[in-house]
C-alpha atoms as a PDB file:
ATOM      1  CA  MET A   1      22.963 -13.570  -1.449  1.00  0.00           C
ATOM      2  CA  SER A   2      26.471 -13.191  -2.804  1.00  0.00           C
ATOM      3  CA  TYR A   3      28.440 -16.176  -4.083  1.00  0.00           C
ATOM      4  CA  SER A   4      31.129 -15.790  -1.384  1.00  0.00           C
ATOM      5  CA  ARG A   5      28.511 -15.751   1.377  1.00  0.00           C
ATOM      6  CA  PHE A   6      26.923 -18.823  -0.173  1.00  0.00           C
ATOM      7  CA  LEU A   7      30.273 -20.627  -0.013  1.00  0.00           C
ATOM      8  CA  GLU A   8      30.658 -19.608   3.659  1.00  0.00           C
ATOM      9  CA  TYR A   9      27.208 -20.980   4.469  1.00  0.00           C
ATOM     10  CA  LEU A  10      28.088 -24.143   2.546  1.00  0.00           C
ATOM     11  CA  ASP A  11      31.299 -24.639   4.546  1.00  0.00           C
ATOM     12  CA  MET A  12      29.499 -24.007   7.873  1.00  0.00           C
ATOM     13  CA  GLY A  13      26.823 -26.566   6.990  1.00  0.00           C
ATOM     14  CA  ARG A  14      23.925 -24.094   6.936  1.00  0.00           C
ATOM     15  CA  VAL A  15      22.781 -24.908   3.403  1.00  0.00           C
ATOM     16  CA  LYS A  16      19.914 -27.447   3.351  1.00  0.00           C
ATOM     17  CA  LYS A  17      18.789 -27.557  -0.296  1.00  0.00           C
ATOM     18  CA  VAL A  18      19.935 -26.157  -3.652  1.00  0.00           C
ATOM     19  CA  ASP A  19      17.897 -25.910  -6.864  1.00  0.00           C
ATOM     20  CA  LEU A  20      19.981 -25.109  -9.959  1.00  0.00           C
ATOM     21  CA  TYR A  21      18.465 -23.262 -12.940  1.00  0.00           C
ATOM     22  CA  GLU A  22      19.684 -21.950 -16.314  1.00  0.00           C
ATOM     23  CA  ASN A  23      22.476 -24.504 -16.793  1.00  0.00           C
ATOM     24  CA  GLY A  24      23.779 -24.092 -13.256  1.00  0.00           C
ATOM     25  CA  THR A  25      24.217 -20.297 -13.310  1.00  0.00           C
ATOM     26  CA  ILE A  26      21.328 -19.529 -10.949  1.00  0.00           C
ATOM     27  CA  ALA A  27      20.688 -21.285  -7.649  1.00  0.00           C
ATOM     28  CA  ILE A  28      17.763 -21.030  -5.266  1.00  0.00           C
ATOM     29  CA  VAL A  29      19.214 -21.918  -1.885  1.00  0.00           C
ATOM     30  CA  GLU A  30      17.447 -22.903   1.326  1.00  0.00           C
ATOM     31  CA  ALA A  31      19.787 -22.020   4.169  1.00  0.00           C
ATOM     32  CA  VAL A  32      19.585 -21.585   7.936  1.00  0.00           C
ATOM     33  CA  SER A  33      20.258 -17.958   8.799  1.00  0.00           C
ATOM     34  CA  PRO A  34      21.573 -17.083  12.287  1.00  0.00           C
ATOM     35  CA  GLU A  35      20.571 -13.431  11.683  1.00  0.00           C
ATOM     36  CA  LEU A  36      16.915 -14.506  11.446  1.00  0.00           C
ATOM     37  CA  GLY A  37      16.917 -16.664  14.554  1.00  0.00           C
ATOM     38  CA  ASN A  38      18.045 -19.832  12.770  1.00  0.00           C
ATOM     39  CA  ARG A  39      15.046 -19.816  10.445  1.00  0.00           C
ATOM     40  CA  VAL A  40      15.289 -21.315   6.985  1.00  0.00           C
ATOM     41  CA  GLN A  41      15.300 -18.704   4.235  1.00  0.00           C
ATOM     42  CA  ARG A  42      15.190 -19.058   0.459  1.00  0.00           C
ATOM     43  CA  VAL A  43      17.639 -16.859  -1.430  1.00  0.00           C
ATOM     44  CA  ARG A  44      18.799 -16.515  -5.018  1.00  0.00           C
ATOM     45  CA  VAL A  45      22.497 -16.878  -5.772  1.00  0.00           C
ATOM     46  CA  GLN A  46      24.234 -16.058  -9.058  1.00  0.00           C
ATOM     47  CA  LEU A  47      26.802 -18.829  -9.687  1.00  0.00           C
ATOM     48  CA  PRO A  48      29.830 -18.435 -11.968  1.00  0.00           C
ATOM     49  CA  GLY A  49      28.784 -21.590 -13.818  1.00  0.00           C
ATOM     50  CA  SER A  50      28.217 -25.233 -13.140  1.00  0.00           C
ATOM     51  CA  SER A  51      31.465 -26.543 -11.741  1.00  0.00           C
ATOM     52  CA  PRO A  52      32.059 -30.207 -10.869  1.00  0.00           C
ATOM     53  CA  GLU A  53      33.842 -29.117  -7.678  1.00  0.00           C
ATOM     54  CA  LEU A  54      30.707 -27.396  -6.399  1.00  0.00           C
ATOM     55  CA  LEU A  55      28.588 -30.464  -7.161  1.00  0.00           C
ATOM     56  CA  GLN A  56      31.152 -32.659  -5.381  1.00  0.00           C
ATOM     57  CA  LYS A  57      30.928 -30.341  -2.362  1.00  0.00           C
ATOM     58  CA  PHE A  58      27.122 -30.753  -2.335  1.00  0.00           C
ATOM     59  CA  ARG A  59      27.582 -34.540  -2.274  1.00  0.00           C
ATOM     60  CA  GLU A  60      30.165 -34.404   0.548  1.00  0.00           C
ATOM     61  CA  LYS A  61      27.924 -32.214   2.727  1.00  0.00           C
ATOM     62  CA  LYS A  62      24.900 -34.390   1.828  1.00  0.00           C
ATOM     63  CA  ILE A  63      22.946 -31.414   0.526  1.00  0.00           C
ATOM     64  CA  ASP A  64      19.809 -32.110  -1.454  1.00  0.00           C
ATOM     65  CA  PHE A  65      20.282 -30.523  -4.884  1.00  0.00           C
ATOM     66  CA  ALA A  66      18.456 -30.687  -8.194  1.00  0.00           C
ATOM     67  CA  ALA A  67      18.984 -29.219 -11.640  1.00  0.00           C
ATOM     68  CA  HIS A  68      15.907 -27.877 -13.429  1.00  0.00           C
ATOM     69  CA  SER A  69      15.696 -27.248 -17.149  1.00  0.00           C
ATOM     70  CA  ASN A  70      13.950 -24.144 -18.364  1.00  0.00           C
ATOM     71  CA  VAL A  71      13.104 -25.657 -21.753  1.00  0.00           C
ATOM     72  CA  GLU A  72       9.447 -26.592 -22.166  1.00  0.00           C
ATOM     73  CA  ASP A  73       8.290 -29.411 -24.381  1.00  0.00           C
ATOM     74  CA  GLY A  74       6.512 -28.539 -27.616  1.00  0.00           C
ATOM     75  CA  GLY A  75       3.115 -29.831 -26.475  1.00  0.00           C
ATOM     76  CA  SER A  76       2.892 -27.578 -23.447  1.00  0.00           C
ATOM     77  CA  VAL A  77       4.045 -24.561 -25.471  1.00  0.00           C
ATOM     78  CA  PHE A  78       1.308 -25.283 -28.023  1.00  0.00           C
ATOM     79  CA  LEU A  79      -1.336 -25.675 -25.292  1.00  0.00           C
ATOM     80  CA  ASN A  80      -0.216 -22.435 -23.640  1.00  0.00           C
ATOM     81  CA  LEU A  81      -0.442 -20.622 -26.967  1.00  0.00           C
ATOM     82  CA  ILE A  82      -3.933 -21.986 -27.658  1.00  0.00           C
ATOM     83  CA  GLY A  83      -5.043 -21.078 -24.131  1.00  0.00           C
ATOM     84  CA  ASN A  84      -3.793 -17.523 -24.493  1.00  0.00           C
ATOM     85  CA  LEU A  85      -5.418 -17.029 -27.891  1.00  0.00           C
ATOM     86  CA  ALA A  86      -8.763 -18.693 -27.141  1.00  0.00           C
ATOM     87  CA  PHE A  87     -10.527 -15.705 -25.559  1.00  0.00           C
ATOM     88  CA  PRO A  88      -9.478 -13.087 -28.147  1.00  0.00           C
ATOM     89  CA  LEU A  89     -10.421 -15.451 -30.987  1.00  0.00           C
ATOM     90  CA  LEU A  90     -13.845 -16.105 -29.435  1.00  0.00           C
ATOM     91  CA  LEU A  91     -14.380 -12.366 -28.960  1.00  0.00           C
ATOM     92  CA  VAL A  92     -13.466 -11.512 -32.557  1.00  0.00           C
ATOM     93  CA  GLY A  93     -15.575 -14.415 -33.860  1.00  0.00           C
ATOM     94  CA  GLY A  94     -18.587 -13.275 -31.820  1.00  0.00           C
ATOM     95  CA  LEU A  95     -18.317  -9.716 -33.132  1.00  0.00           C
ATOM     96  CA  PHE A  96     -18.005 -11.067 -36.668  1.00  0.00           C
ATOM     97  CA  LEU A  97     -21.163 -13.164 -36.267  1.00  0.00           C
ATOM     98  CA  LEU A  98     -23.061 -10.212 -34.812  1.00  0.00           C
ATOM     99  CA  SER A  99     -22.077  -7.994 -37.728  1.00  0.00           C
ATOM    100  CA  ARG A 100     -23.028 -10.704 -40.259  1.00  0.00           C
ATOM    101  CA  ARG A 101     -26.397 -11.199 -38.562  1.00  0.00           C
ATOM    102  CA  SER A 102     -27.126  -7.479 -38.625  1.00  0.00           C
ATOM    103  CA  GLN A 103     -26.426  -7.309 -42.375  1.00  0.00           C
ATOM    104  CA  GLY A 104     -29.137  -9.818 -43.252  1.00  0.00           C
ATOM    105  CA  GLY A 105     -32.863  -9.163 -43.115  1.00  0.00           C
ATOM    106  CA  GLY A 106     -32.747  -5.518 -44.182  1.00  0.00           C
ATOM    107  CA  MET A 107     -31.376  -4.284 -40.912  1.00  0.00           C
ATOM    108  CA  GLY A 108     -29.156  -1.680 -42.542  1.00  0.00           C
ATOM    109  CA  GLY A 109     -25.670  -3.203 -42.542  1.00  0.00           C
ATOM    110  CA  PRO A 110     -22.984  -3.401 -39.882  1.00  0.00           C
ATOM    111  CA  GLY A 111     -23.465   0.170 -38.753  1.00  0.00           C
ATOM    112  CA  GLY A 112     -27.239   0.047 -39.046  1.00  0.00           C
ATOM    113  CA  PRO A 113     -29.872  -0.563 -36.443  1.00  0.00           C
ATOM    114  CA  GLY A 114     -29.276  -3.572 -34.264  1.00  0.00           C
ATOM    115  CA  GLY A 115     -25.588  -3.807 -35.168  1.00  0.00           C
ATOM    116  CA  PRO A 116     -22.802  -4.119 -32.613  1.00  0.00           C
ATOM    117  CA  MET A 117     -21.678  -0.552 -33.310  1.00  0.00           C
ATOM    118  CA  ALA A 118     -25.138   0.988 -32.873  1.00  0.00           C
ATOM    119  CA  PHE A 119     -24.853   1.719 -29.161  1.00  0.00           C
ATOM    120  CA  GLY A 120     -26.043   5.214 -28.298  1.00  0.00           C
ATOM    121  CA  LYS A 121     -27.169   6.096 -31.800  1.00  0.00           C
ATOM    122  CA  SER A 122     -30.620   7.635 -31.779  1.00  0.00           C
ATOM    123  CA  LYS A 123     -32.878   7.033 -34.729  1.00  0.00           C
ATOM    124  CA  ALA A 124     -35.290   9.823 -33.805  1.00  0.00           C
ATOM    125  CA  LYS A 125     -35.765  12.551 -36.382  1.00  0.00           C
ATOM    126  CA  PHE A 126     -37.183  15.972 -35.765  1.00  0.00           C
ATOM    127  CA  GLN A 127     -39.795  16.989 -38.282  1.00  0.00           C
ATOM    128  CA  MET A 128     -41.363  20.410 -38.184  1.00  0.00           C
ATOM    129  CA  GLU A 129     -44.898  20.772 -39.333  1.00  0.00           C
ATOM    130  CA  PRO A 130     -45.260  23.416 -41.995  1.00  0.00           C
ATOM    131  CA  ASN A 131     -46.838  26.592 -40.724  1.00  0.00           C
ATOM    132  CA  THR A 132     -49.031  27.691 -43.636  1.00  0.00           C
ATOM    133  CA  GLY A 133     -51.254  30.056 -41.679  1.00  0.00           C
ATOM    134  CA  ILE A 134     -54.419  28.303 -42.936  1.00  0.00           C
ATOM    135  CA  THR A 135     -56.710  27.013 -40.230  1.00  0.00           C
ATOM    136  CA  PHE A 136     -59.640  24.617 -40.293  1.00  0.00           C
ATOM    137  CA  ALA A 137     -62.072  27.531 -40.097  1.00  0.00           C
ATOM    138  CA  ASP A 138     -60.576  29.157 -43.233  1.00  0.00           C
ATOM    139  CA  VAL A 139     -61.739  26.337 -45.495  1.00  0.00           C
ATOM    140  CA  ALA A 140     -65.081  27.022 -47.241  1.00  0.00           C
ATOM    141  CA  GLY A 141     -68.092  24.854 -46.332  1.00  0.00           C
ATOM    142  CA  VAL A 142     -66.310  23.318 -43.404  1.00  0.00           C
ATOM    143  CA  ASP A 143     -68.949  23.856 -40.747  1.00  0.00           C
ATOM    144  CA  GLU A 144     -71.189  21.083 -42.074  1.00  0.00           C
ATOM    145  CA  ALA A 145     -68.307  18.640 -42.614  1.00  0.00           C
ATOM    146  CA  LYS A 146     -66.951  19.412 -39.180  1.00  0.00           C
ATOM    147  CA  GLN A 147     -70.331  18.844 -37.576  1.00  0.00           C
ATOM    148  CA  ASP A 148     -70.866  15.552 -39.457  1.00  0.00           C
ATOM    149  CA  PHE A 149     -67.417  14.310 -38.533  1.00  0.00           C
ATOM    150  CA  MET A 150     -67.847  15.164 -34.849  1.00  0.00           C
ATOM    151  CA  GLU A 151     -71.269  13.481 -34.705  1.00  0.00           C
ATOM    152  CA  VAL A 152     -70.039  10.270 -36.332  1.00  0.00           C
ATOM    153  CA  TRP A 153     -66.883  10.271 -34.229  1.00  0.00           C
ATOM    154  CA  TRP A 154     -68.764  10.909 -31.012  1.00  0.00           C
ATOM    155  CA  ILE A 155     -71.383   8.263 -31.750  1.00  0.00           C
ATOM    156  CA  ARG A 156     -68.741   5.615 -32.493  1.00  0.00           C
ATOM    157  CA  ILE A 157     -66.899   6.286 -29.218  1.00  0.00           C
ATOM    158  CA  VAL A 158     -70.107   6.202 -27.203  1.00  0.00           C
ATOM    159  CA  GLU A 159     -71.101   2.986 -28.974  1.00  0.00           C
ATOM    160  CA  PHE A 160     -67.694   1.471 -28.211  1.00  0.00           C
ATOM    161  CA  LEU A 161     -67.987   2.364 -24.554  1.00  0.00           C
ATOM    162  CA  LYS A 162     -71.500   0.885 -24.323  1.00  0.00           C
ATOM    163  CA  ARG A 163     -70.849  -2.330 -26.297  1.00  0.00           C
ATOM    164  CA  PRO A 164     -67.087  -2.989 -26.512  1.00  0.00           C
ATOM    165  CA  GLU A 165     -67.543  -6.702 -27.328  1.00  0.00           C
ATOM    166  CA  ARG A 166     -69.029  -5.778 -30.711  1.00  0.00           C
ATOM    167  CA  PHE A 167     -65.858  -3.902 -31.674  1.00  0.00           C
ATOM    168  CA  THR A 168     -63.276  -6.130 -30.027  1.00  0.00           C
ATOM    169  CA  ALA A 169     -64.670  -9.149 -31.899  1.00  0.00           C
ATOM    170  CA  VAL A 170     -63.266  -7.655 -35.111  1.00  0.00           C
ATOM    171  CA  GLY A 171     -60.020  -6.554 -33.455  1.00  0.00           C
ATOM    172  CA  ALA A 172     -60.779  -2.910 -32.761  1.00  0.00           C
ATOM    173  CA  ARG A 173     -59.334  -1.076 -29.775  1.00  0.00           C
ATOM    174  CA  ILE A 174     -60.371   2.158 -28.144  1.00  0.00           C
ATOM    175  CA  PRO A 175     -58.541   5.119 -29.669  1.00  0.00           C
ATOM    176  CA  LYS A 176     -55.799   6.480 -27.503  1.00  0.00           C
ATOM    177  CA  GLY A 177     -55.708  10.190 -27.134  1.00  0.00           C
ATOM    178  CA  CYS A 178     -59.418  10.697 -27.419  1.00  0.00           C
ATOM    179  CA  LEU A 179     -60.267  13.763 -25.365  1.00  0.00           C
ATOM    180  CA  LEU A 180     -63.837  14.026 -24.156  1.00  0.00           C
ATOM    181  CA  VAL A 181     -64.504  17.653 -23.316  1.00  0.00           C
ATOM    182  CA  GLY A 182     -67.637  19.155 -21.883  1.00  0.00           C
ATOM    183  CA  PRO A 183     -70.428  17.984 -19.647  1.00  0.00           C
ATOM    184  CA  PRO A 184     -71.615  14.388 -19.917  1.00  0.00           C
ATOM    185  CA  GLY A 185     -74.011  13.817 -22.821  1.00  0.00           C
ATOM    186  CA  ALA A 186     -73.149  17.060 -24.606  1.00  0.00           C
ATOM    187  CA  ILE A 187     -72.250  16.958 -28.280  1.00  0.00           C
ATOM    188  CA  LEU A 188     -69.918  19.718 -29.318  1.00  0.00           C
END
């Protein structure tokens, strides 16, 4: 609302309340507007400054007015500052503790395994087996060793399957990846 329109509303008695801000240069005015069907509206008015004549006019028209300071006390400014910094400080402190924890215990440092920056880093390594061209059959005297190994191996697995309590008592488990090929009872 313009200042001249505000003065017109003030003279016609349509202004109900005035809140002054920034040393009396800004006013938030509650006024009855005939354009809106006599509803009360809140508008902002830029005032030329705080004049004693304007304040006297408010008193004559019995208008409720108040001046608000925009200066905050030091305690609330300090609390606002602490409140705004609390979350970032907690976040940085948490990341610091995580990086310190990952350095200890031989975990490999801040960028090592288990660190906060280790997301998506694979530790898998591809190792090719050397292809020498030598097979098990190429080794001399292997037939007897192979036969002995297979007999001992086969007997131990059959024994484990028949009496597992004997092996589990000492902490043994059945080998994973054991492939039994052939008809039942056949030794290869």
